[in-house]
Amino acid sequence: ADELSYDVSCRAEKLFQHLQRCNSTYRLVILCSCEREH
């Protein structure tokens, strides 16, 4: 997920924040490279 473009990442975070309010029982794992942790 660290390879997503900045625009896609921003939109993904906003959508996640919106959708996760509706569901507290989701199971999501996001794997990223430690070399791109920033």
ModelCIF file with pLDDT and N, C-alpha, C, O atoms, coordinates in Angstrom:
data_MODEL
#
_entry.id   MODEL 
#
_entity.id                         1 
_entity.type                       polymer 
_entity.pdbx_number_of_molecules   1 
#
_entity_poly.entity_id                      1 
_entity_poly.type                           'polypeptide(L)' 
_entity_poly.nstd_linkage                   no 
_entity_poly.nstd_monomer                   no 
_entity_poly.pdbx_seq_one_letter_code       ADELSYDVSCRAEKLFQHLQRCNSTYRLVILCSCEREH 
_entity_poly.pdbx_seq_one_letter_code_can   ADELSYDVSCRAEKLFQHLQRCNSTYRLVILCSCEREH 
_entity_poly.pdbx_strand_id                 A 
#
loop_
_entity_poly_seq.entity_id 
_entity_poly_seq.num 
_entity_poly_seq.mon_id 
_entity_poly_seq.hetero 
1 1  ALA n 
1 2  ASP n 
1 3  GLU n 
1 4  LEU n 
1 5  SER n 
1 6  TYR n 
1 7  ASP n 
1 8  VAL n 
1 9  SER n 
1 10 CYS n 
1 11 ARG n 
1 12 ALA n 
1 13 GLU n 
1 14 LYS n 
1 15 LEU n 
1 16 PHE n 
1 17 GLN n 
1 18 HIS n 
1 19 LEU n 
1 20 GLN n 
1 21 ARG n 
1 22 CYS n 
1 23 ASN n 
1 24 SER n 
1 25 THR n 
1 26 TYR n 
1 27 ARG n 
1 28 LEU n 
1 29 VAL n 
1 30 ILE n 
1 31 LEU n 
1 32 CYS n 
1 33 SER n 
1 34 CYS n 
1 35 GLU n 
1 36 ARG n 
1 37 GLU n 
1 38 HIS n 
#
_struct_asym.id          A 
_struct_asym.entity_id   1 
#
loop_
_ma_qa_metric.id 
_ma_qa_metric.mode 
_ma_qa_metric.name 
_ma_qa_metric.software_group_id 
_ma_qa_metric.type 
1 global pLDDT . pLDDT 
2 local  pLDDT . pLDDT 
#
_ma_qa_metric_global.metric_id      1 
_ma_qa_metric_global.metric_value   89.79 
_ma_qa_metric_global.model_id       1 
_ma_qa_metric_global.ordinal_id     1 
#
loop_
_ma_qa_metric_local.label_asym_id 
_ma_qa_metric_local.label_comp_id 
_ma_qa_metric_local.label_seq_id 
_ma_qa_metric_local.metric_id 
_ma_qa_metric_local.metric_value 
_ma_qa_metric_local.model_id 
_ma_qa_metric_local.ordinal_id 
A ALA 1  2 94.00 1 1  
A ASP 2  2 94.00 1 2  
A GLU 3  2 95.00 1 3  
A LEU 4  2 96.00 1 4  
A SER 5  2 96.00 1 5  
A TYR 6  2 96.00 1 6  
A ASP 7  2 96.00 1 7  
A VAL 8  2 97.00 1 8  
A SER 9  2 96.00 1 9  
A CYS 10 2 96.00 1 10 
A ARG 11 2 96.00 1 11 
A ALA 12 2 95.00 1 12 
A GLU 13 2 95.00 1 13 
A LYS 14 2 95.00 1 14 
A LEU 15 2 94.00 1 15 
A PHE 16 2 93.00 1 16 
A GLN 17 2 92.00 1 17 
A HIS 18 2 91.00 1 18 
A LEU 19 2 90.00 1 19 
A GLN 20 2 86.00 1 20 
A ARG 21 2 84.00 1 21 
A CYS 22 2 78.00 1 22 
A ASN 23 2 77.00 1 23 
A SER 24 2 74.00 1 24 
A THR 25 2 80.00 1 25 
A TYR 26 2 84.00 1 26 
A ARG 27 2 87.00 1 27 
A LEU 28 2 89.00 1 28 
A VAL 29 2 91.00 1 29 
A ILE 30 2 92.00 1 30 
A LEU 31 2 90.00 1 31 
A CYS 32 2 89.00 1 32 
A SER 33 2 86.00 1 33 
A CYS 34 2 83.00 1 34 
A GLU 35 2 87.00 1 35 
A ARG 36 2 88.00 1 36 
A GLU 37 2 83.00 1 37 
A HIS 38 2 87.00 1 38 
#
loop_
_atom_site.group_PDB 
_atom_site.id 
_atom_site.type_symbol 
_atom_site.label_atom_id 
_atom_site.label_alt_id 
_atom_site.label_comp_id 
_atom_site.label_asym_id 
_atom_site.label_entity_id 
_atom_site.label_seq_id 
_atom_site.pdbx_PDB_ins_code 
_atom_site.Cartn_x 
_atom_site.Cartn_y 
_atom_site.Cartn_z 
_atom_site.occupancy 
_atom_site.B_iso_or_equiv 
_atom_site.pdbx_formal_charge 
_atom_site.auth_seq_id 
_atom_site.auth_comp_id 
_atom_site.auth_asym_id 
_atom_site.auth_atom_id 
_atom_site.pdbx_PDB_model_num 
ATOM 1   N N  . ALA A 1 1  ? 0.822   -1.211 0.000  1.00 94.00 ? 1  ALA A N  1 
ATOM 2   C CA . ALA A 1 1  ? 0.000   0.000  0.000  1.00 94.00 ? 1  ALA A CA 1 
ATOM 3   C C  . ALA A 1 1  ? 0.858   1.264  0.000  1.00 94.00 ? 1  ALA A C  1 
ATOM 4   O O  . ALA A 1 1  ? 0.377   2.334  -0.373 1.00 94.00 ? 1  ALA A O  1 
ATOM 5   N N  . ASP A 1 2  ? 2.097   1.158  0.405  1.00 94.00 ? 2  ASP A N  1 
ATOM 6   C CA . ASP A 1 2  ? 3.004   2.302  0.396  1.00 94.00 ? 2  ASP A CA 1 
ATOM 7   C C  . ASP A 1 2  ? 3.351   2.749  -1.024 1.00 94.00 ? 2  ASP A C  1 
ATOM 8   O O  . ASP A 1 2  ? 3.902   3.835  -1.204 1.00 94.00 ? 2  ASP A O  1 
ATOM 9   N N  . GLU A 1 3  ? 3.045   1.949  -2.020 1.00 95.00 ? 3  GLU A N  1 
ATOM 10  C CA . GLU A 1 3  ? 3.345   2.302  -3.405 1.00 95.00 ? 3  GLU A CA 1 
ATOM 11  C C  . GLU A 1 3  ? 2.212   3.074  -4.082 1.00 95.00 ? 3  GLU A C  1 
ATOM 12  O O  . GLU A 1 3  ? 2.370   3.521  -5.218 1.00 95.00 ? 3  GLU A O  1 
ATOM 13  N N  . LEU A 1 4  ? 1.087   3.236  -3.414 1.00 96.00 ? 4  LEU A N  1 
ATOM 14  C CA . LEU A 1 4  ? -0.011  3.996  -3.997 1.00 96.00 ? 4  LEU A CA 1 
ATOM 15  C C  . LEU A 1 4  ? 0.409   5.448  -4.191 1.00 96.00 ? 4  LEU A C  1 
ATOM 16  O O  . LEU A 1 4  ? 1.205   5.976  -3.415 1.00 96.00 ? 4  LEU A O  1 
ATOM 17  N N  . SER A 1 5  ? -0.121  6.089  -5.216 1.00 96.00 ? 5  SER A N  1 
ATOM 18  C CA . SER A 1 5  ? 0.197   7.501  -5.438 1.00 96.00 ? 5  SER A CA 1 
ATOM 19  C C  . SER A 1 5  ? -0.383  8.327  -4.286 1.00 96.00 ? 5  SER A C  1 
ATOM 20  O O  . SER A 1 5  ? -1.251  7.864  -3.547 1.00 96.00 ? 5  SER A O  1 
ATOM 21  N N  . TYR A 1 6  ? 0.108   9.540  -4.154 1.00 96.00 ? 6  TYR A N  1 
ATOM 22  C CA . TYR A 1 6  ? -0.344  10.417 -3.072 1.00 96.00 ? 6  TYR A CA 1 
ATOM 23  C C  . TYR A 1 6  ? -1.849  10.671 -3.166 1.00 96.00 ? 6  TYR A C  1 
ATOM 24  O O  . TYR A 1 6  ? -2.558  10.594 -2.163 1.00 96.00 ? 6  TYR A O  1 
ATOM 25  N N  . ASP A 1 7  ? -2.332  10.971 -4.363 1.00 96.00 ? 7  ASP A N  1 
ATOM 26  C CA . ASP A 1 7  ? -3.757  11.253 -4.557 1.00 96.00 ? 7  ASP A CA 1 
ATOM 27  C C  . ASP A 1 7  ? -4.619  10.043 -4.198 1.00 96.00 ? 7  ASP A C  1 
ATOM 28  O O  . ASP A 1 7  ? -5.622  10.177 -3.497 1.00 96.00 ? 7  ASP A O  1 
ATOM 29  N N  . VAL A 1 8  ? -4.230  8.873  -4.677 1.00 97.00 ? 8  VAL A N  1 
ATOM 30  C CA . VAL A 1 8  ? -4.981  7.649  -4.382 1.00 97.00 ? 8  VAL A CA 1 
ATOM 31  C C  . VAL A 1 8  ? -4.942  7.358  -2.883 1.00 97.00 ? 8  VAL A C  1 
ATOM 32  O O  . VAL A 1 8  ? -5.949  6.954  -2.302 1.00 97.00 ? 8  VAL A O  1 
ATOM 33  N N  . SER A 1 9  ? -3.794  7.559  -2.263 1.00 96.00 ? 9  SER A N  1 
ATOM 34  C CA . SER A 1 9  ? -3.659  7.322  -0.827 1.00 96.00 ? 9  SER A CA 1 
ATOM 35  C C  . SER A 1 9  ? -4.568  8.235  -0.019 1.00 96.00 ? 9  SER A C  1 
ATOM 36  O O  . SER A 1 9  ? -5.223  7.791  0.925  1.00 96.00 ? 9  SER A O  1 
ATOM 37  N N  . CYS A 1 10 ? -4.609  9.516  -0.390 1.00 96.00 ? 10 CYS A N  1 
ATOM 38  C CA . CYS A 1 10 ? -5.486  10.471 0.317  1.00 96.00 ? 10 CYS A CA 1 
ATOM 39  C C  . CYS A 1 10 ? -6.946  10.064 0.199  1.00 96.00 ? 10 CYS A C  1 
ATOM 40  O O  . CYS A 1 10 ? -7.684  10.062 1.184  1.00 96.00 ? 10 CYS A O  1 
ATOM 41  N N  . ARG A 1 11 ? -7.351  9.722  -1.004 1.00 96.00 ? 11 ARG A N  1 
ATOM 42  C CA . ARG A 1 11 ? -8.739  9.315  -1.220 1.00 96.00 ? 11 ARG A CA 1 
ATOM 43  C C  . ARG A 1 11 ? -9.057  8.023  -0.475 1.00 96.00 ? 11 ARG A C  1 
ATOM 44  O O  . ARG A 1 11 ? -10.155 7.864  0.059  1.00 96.00 ? 11 ARG A O  1 
ATOM 45  N N  . ALA A 1 12 ? -8.100  7.104  -0.440 1.00 95.00 ? 12 ALA A N  1 
ATOM 46  C CA . ALA A 1 12 ? -8.299  5.840  0.272  1.00 95.00 ? 12 ALA A CA 1 
ATOM 47  C C  . ALA A 1 12 ? -8.469  6.081  1.770  1.00 95.00 ? 12 ALA A C  1 
ATOM 48  O O  . ALA A 1 12 ? -9.337  5.480  2.403  1.00 95.00 ? 12 ALA A O  1 
ATOM 49  N N  . GLU A 1 13 ? -7.648  6.953  2.334  1.00 95.00 ? 13 GLU A N  1 
ATOM 50  C CA . GLU A 1 13 ? -7.771  7.233  3.763  1.00 95.00 ? 13 GLU A CA 1 
ATOM 51  C C  . GLU A 1 13 ? -9.127  7.861  4.086  1.00 95.00 ? 13 GLU A C  1 
ATOM 52  O O  . GLU A 1 13 ? -9.773  7.477  5.061  1.00 95.00 ? 13 GLU A O  1 
ATOM 53  N N  . LYS A 1 14 ? -9.559  8.823  3.272  1.00 95.00 ? 14 LYS A N  1 
ATOM 54  C CA . LYS A 1 14 ? -10.855 9.467  3.503  1.00 95.00 ? 14 LYS A CA 1 
ATOM 55  C C  . LYS A 1 14 ? -11.991 8.458  3.418  1.00 95.00 ? 14 LYS A C  1 
ATOM 56  O O  . LYS A 1 14 ? -12.896 8.467  4.253  1.00 95.00 ? 14 LYS A O  1 
ATOM 57  N N  . LEU A 1 15 ? -11.949 7.590  2.413  1.00 94.00 ? 15 LEU A N  1 
ATOM 58  C CA . LEU A 1 15 ? -12.988 6.572  2.279  1.00 94.00 ? 15 LEU A CA 1 
ATOM 59  C C  . LEU A 1 15 ? -12.955 5.615  3.460  1.00 94.00 ? 15 LEU A C  1 
ATOM 60  O O  . LEU A 1 15 ? -14.003 5.249  3.991  1.00 94.00 ? 15 LEU A O  1 
ATOM 61  N N  . PHE A 1 16 ? -11.764 5.207  3.876  1.00 93.00 ? 16 PHE A N  1 
ATOM 62  C CA . PHE A 1 16 ? -11.640 4.326  5.030  1.00 93.00 ? 16 PHE A CA 1 
ATOM 63  C C  . PHE A 1 16 ? -12.257 4.963  6.270  1.00 93.00 ? 16 PHE A C  1 
ATOM 64  O O  . PHE A 1 16 ? -13.027 4.316  6.980  1.00 93.00 ? 16 PHE A O  1 
ATOM 65  N N  . GLN A 1 17 ? -11.927 6.223  6.536  1.00 92.00 ? 17 GLN A N  1 
ATOM 66  C CA . GLN A 1 17 ? -12.461 6.914  7.716  1.00 92.00 ? 17 GLN A CA 1 
ATOM 67  C C  . GLN A 1 17 ? -13.982 6.971  7.654  1.00 92.00 ? 17 GLN A C  1 
ATOM 68  O O  . GLN A 1 17 ? -14.654 6.810  8.673  1.00 92.00 ? 17 GLN A O  1 
ATOM 69  N N  . HIS A 1 18 ? -14.523 7.197  6.469  1.00 91.00 ? 18 HIS A N  1 
ATOM 70  C CA . HIS A 1 18 ? -15.975 7.272  6.310  1.00 91.00 ? 18 HIS A CA 1 
ATOM 71  C C  . HIS A 1 18 ? -16.634 5.901  6.519  1.00 91.00 ? 18 HIS A C  1 
ATOM 72  O O  . HIS A 1 18 ? -17.622 5.791  7.245  1.00 91.00 ? 18 HIS A O  1 
ATOM 73  N N  . LEU A 1 19 ? -16.089 4.866  5.884  1.00 90.00 ? 19 LEU A N  1 
ATOM 74  C CA . LEU A 1 19 ? -16.710 3.540  5.929  1.00 90.00 ? 19 LEU A CA 1 
ATOM 75  C C  . LEU A 1 19 ? -16.528 2.837  7.266  1.00 90.00 ? 19 LEU A C  1 
ATOM 76  O O  . LEU A 1 19 ? -17.411 2.090  7.691  1.00 90.00 ? 19 LEU A O  1 
ATOM 77  N N  . GLN A 1 20 ? -15.413 3.057  7.933  1.00 86.00 ? 20 GLN A N  1 
ATOM 78  C CA . GLN A 1 20 ? -15.161 2.319  9.175  1.00 86.00 ? 20 GLN A CA 1 
ATOM 79  C C  . GLN A 1 20 ? -16.085 2.759  10.301 1.00 86.00 ? 20 GLN A C  1 
ATOM 80  O O  . GLN A 1 20 ? -16.217 2.051  11.299 1.00 86.00 ? 20 GLN A O  1 
ATOM 81  N N  . ARG A 1 21 ? -16.730 3.925  10.159 1.00 84.00 ? 21 ARG A N  1 
ATOM 82  C CA . ARG A 1 21 ? -17.730 4.333  11.161 1.00 84.00 ? 21 ARG A CA 1 
ATOM 83  C C  . ARG A 1 21 ? -18.949 3.424  11.127 1.00 84.00 ? 21 ARG A C  1 
ATOM 84  O O  . ARG A 1 21 ? -19.645 3.273  12.132 1.00 84.00 ? 21 ARG A O  1 
ATOM 85  N N  . CYS A 1 22 ? -19.211 2.814  9.964  1.00 78.00 ? 22 CYS A N  1 
ATOM 86  C CA . CYS A 1 22 ? -20.385 1.945  9.792  1.00 78.00 ? 22 CYS A CA 1 
ATOM 87  C C  . CYS A 1 22 ? -20.131 0.516  10.250 1.00 78.00 ? 22 CYS A C  1 
ATOM 88  O O  . CYS A 1 22 ? -21.077 -0.246 10.451 1.00 78.00 ? 22 CYS A O  1 
ATOM 89  N N  . ASN A 1 23 ? -18.878 0.147  10.416 1.00 77.00 ? 23 ASN A N  1 
ATOM 90  C CA . ASN A 1 23 ? -18.555 -1.247 10.698 1.00 77.00 ? 23 ASN A CA 1 
ATOM 91  C C  . ASN A 1 23 ? -17.340 -1.316 11.624 1.00 77.00 ? 23 ASN A C  1 
ATOM 92  O O  . ASN A 1 23 ? -16.255 -0.853 11.271 1.00 77.00 ? 23 ASN A O  1 
ATOM 93  N N  . SER A 1 24 ? -17.524 -1.882 12.781 1.00 74.00 ? 24 SER A N  1 
ATOM 94  C CA . SER A 1 24 ? -16.404 -1.995 13.721 1.00 74.00 ? 24 SER A CA 1 
ATOM 95  C C  . SER A 1 24 ? -15.840 -3.418 13.766 1.00 74.00 ? 24 SER A C  1 
ATOM 96  O O  . SER A 1 24 ? -14.961 -3.709 14.577 1.00 74.00 ? 24 SER A O  1 
ATOM 97  N N  . THR A 1 25 ? -16.340 -4.301 12.903 1.00 80.00 ? 25 THR A N  1 
ATOM 98  C CA . THR A 1 25 ? -15.895 -5.698 12.950 1.00 80.00 ? 25 THR A CA 1 
ATOM 99  C C  . THR A 1 25 ? -15.107 -6.120 11.707 1.00 80.00 ? 25 THR A C  1 
ATOM 100 O O  . THR A 1 25 ? -14.967 -7.316 11.449 1.00 80.00 ? 25 THR A O  1 
ATOM 101 N N  . TYR A 1 26 ? -14.600 -5.177 10.948 1.00 84.00 ? 26 TYR A N  1 
ATOM 102 C CA . TYR A 1 26 ? -13.837 -5.512 9.749  1.00 84.00 ? 26 TYR A CA 1 
ATOM 103 C C  . TYR A 1 26 ? -12.503 -6.138 10.130 1.00 84.00 ? 26 TYR A C  1 
ATOM 104 O O  . TYR A 1 26 ? -12.027 -5.991 11.256 1.00 84.00 ? 26 TYR A O  1 
ATOM 105 N N  . ARG A 1 27 ? -11.906 -6.845 9.160  1.00 87.00 ? 27 ARG A N  1 
ATOM 106 C CA . ARG A 1 27 ? -10.592 -7.458 9.347  1.00 87.00 ? 27 ARG A CA 1 
ATOM 107 C C  . ARG A 1 27 ? -9.736  -7.055 8.161  1.00 87.00 ? 27 ARG A C  1 
ATOM 108 O O  . ARG A 1 27 ? -9.876  -7.601 7.066  1.00 87.00 ? 27 ARG A O  1 
ATOM 109 N N  . LEU A 1 28 ? -8.849  -6.098 8.384  1.00 89.00 ? 28 LEU A N  1 
ATOM 110 C CA . LEU A 1 28 ? -8.025  -5.536 7.317  1.00 89.00 ? 28 LEU A CA 1 
ATOM 111 C C  . LEU A 1 28 ? -6.568  -5.514 7.752  1.00 89.00 ? 28 LEU A C  1 
ATOM 112 O O  . LEU A 1 28 ? -6.233  -5.065 8.848  1.00 89.00 ? 28 LEU A O  1 
ATOM 113 N N  . VAL A 1 29 ? -5.709  -6.009 6.862  1.00 91.00 ? 29 VAL A N  1 
ATOM 114 C CA . VAL A 1 29 ? -4.268  -5.973 7.079  1.00 91.00 ? 29 VAL A CA 1 
ATOM 115 C C  . VAL A 1 29 ? -3.673  -5.169 5.933  1.00 91.00 ? 29 VAL A C  1 
ATOM 116 O O  . VAL A 1 29 ? -3.940  -5.451 4.765  1.00 91.00 ? 29 VAL A O  1 
ATOM 117 N N  . ILE A 1 30 ? -2.864  -4.162 6.271  1.00 92.00 ? 30 ILE A N  1 
ATOM 118 C CA . ILE A 1 30 ? -2.190  -3.350 5.265  1.00 92.00 ? 30 ILE A CA 1 
ATOM 119 C C  . ILE A 1 30 ? -0.694  -3.609 5.409  1.00 92.00 ? 30 ILE A C  1 
ATOM 120 O O  . ILE A 1 30 ? -0.097  -3.302 6.442  1.00 92.00 ? 30 ILE A O  1 
ATOM 121 N N  . LEU A 1 31 ? -0.098  -4.174 4.367  1.00 90.00 ? 31 LEU A N  1 
ATOM 122 C CA . LEU A 1 31 ? 1.325   -4.487 4.397  1.00 90.00 ? 31 LEU A CA 1 
ATOM 123 C C  . LEU A 1 31 ? 2.096   -3.460 3.590  1.00 90.00 ? 31 LEU A C  1 
ATOM 124 O O  . LEU A 1 31 ? 1.746   -3.154 2.450  1.00 90.00 ? 31 LEU A O  1 
ATOM 125 N N  . CYS A 1 32 ? 3.148   -2.932 4.195  1.00 89.00 ? 32 CYS A N  1 
ATOM 126 C CA . CYS A 1 32 ? 3.990   -1.918 3.566  1.00 89.00 ? 32 CYS A CA 1 
ATOM 127 C C  . CYS A 1 32 ? 5.452   -2.267 3.805  1.00 89.00 ? 32 CYS A C  1 
ATOM 128 O O  . CYS A 1 32 ? 5.793   -2.986 4.743  1.00 89.00 ? 32 CYS A O  1 
ATOM 129 N N  . SER A 1 33 ? 6.295   -1.746 2.945  1.00 86.00 ? 33 SER A N  1 
ATOM 130 C CA . SER A 1 33 ? 7.729   -1.934 3.103  1.00 86.00 ? 33 SER A CA 1 
ATOM 131 C C  . SER A 1 33 ? 8.241   -1.009 4.198  1.00 86.00 ? 33 SER A C  1 
ATOM 132 O O  . SER A 1 33 ? 7.847   0.155  4.270  1.00 86.00 ? 33 SER A O  1 
ATOM 133 N N  . CYS A 1 34 ? 9.111   -1.521 5.042  1.00 83.00 ? 34 CYS A N  1 
ATOM 134 C CA . CYS A 1 34 ? 9.693   -0.681 6.091  1.00 83.00 ? 34 CYS A CA 1 
ATOM 135 C C  . CYS A 1 34 ? 10.589  0.396  5.486  1.00 83.00 ? 34 CYS A C  1 
ATOM 136 O O  . CYS A 1 34 ? 10.870  1.402  6.138  1.00 83.00 ? 34 CYS A O  1 
ATOM 137 N N  . GLU A 1 35 ? 11.038  0.200  4.255  1.00 87.00 ? 35 GLU A N  1 
ATOM 138 C CA . GLU A 1 35 ? 11.873  1.193  3.588  1.00 87.00 ? 35 GLU A CA 1 
ATOM 139 C C  . GLU A 1 35 ? 11.070  2.414  3.145  1.00 87.00 ? 35 GLU A C  1 
ATOM 140 O O  . GLU A 1 35 ? 11.644  3.466  2.862  1.00 87.00 ? 35 GLU A O  1 
ATOM 141 N N  . ARG A 1 36 ? 9.739   2.277  3.084  1.00 88.00 ? 36 ARG A N  1 
ATOM 142 C CA . ARG A 1 36 ? 8.883   3.387  2.659  1.00 88.00 ? 36 ARG A CA 1 
ATOM 143 C C  . ARG A 1 36 ? 7.879   3.735  3.753  1.00 88.00 ? 36 ARG A C  1 
ATOM 144 O O  . ARG A 1 36 ? 6.743   4.109  3.463  1.00 88.00 ? 36 ARG A O  1 
ATOM 145 N N  . GLU A 1 37 ? 8.297   3.613  5.004  1.00 83.00 ? 37 GLU A N  1 
ATOM 146 C CA . GLU A 1 37 ? 7.384   3.835  6.121  1.00 83.00 ? 37 GLU A CA 1 
ATOM 147 C C  . GLU A 1 37 ? 6.934   5.281  6.271  1.00 83.00 ? 37 GLU A C  1 
ATOM 148 O O  . GLU A 1 37 ? 6.013   5.560  7.038  1.00 83.00 ? 37 GLU A O  1 
ATOM 149 N N  . HIS A 1 38 ? 7.566   6.203  5.555  1.00 87.00 ? 38 HIS A N  1 
ATOM 150 C CA . HIS A 1 38 ? 7.168   7.606  5.650  1.00 87.00 ? 38 HIS A CA 1 
ATOM 151 C C  . HIS A 1 38 ? 6.276   8.037  4.499  1.00 87.00 ? 38 HIS A C  1 
ATOM 152 O O  . HIS A 1 38 ? 5.858   9.193  4.441  1.00 87.00 ? 38 HIS A O  1 
#
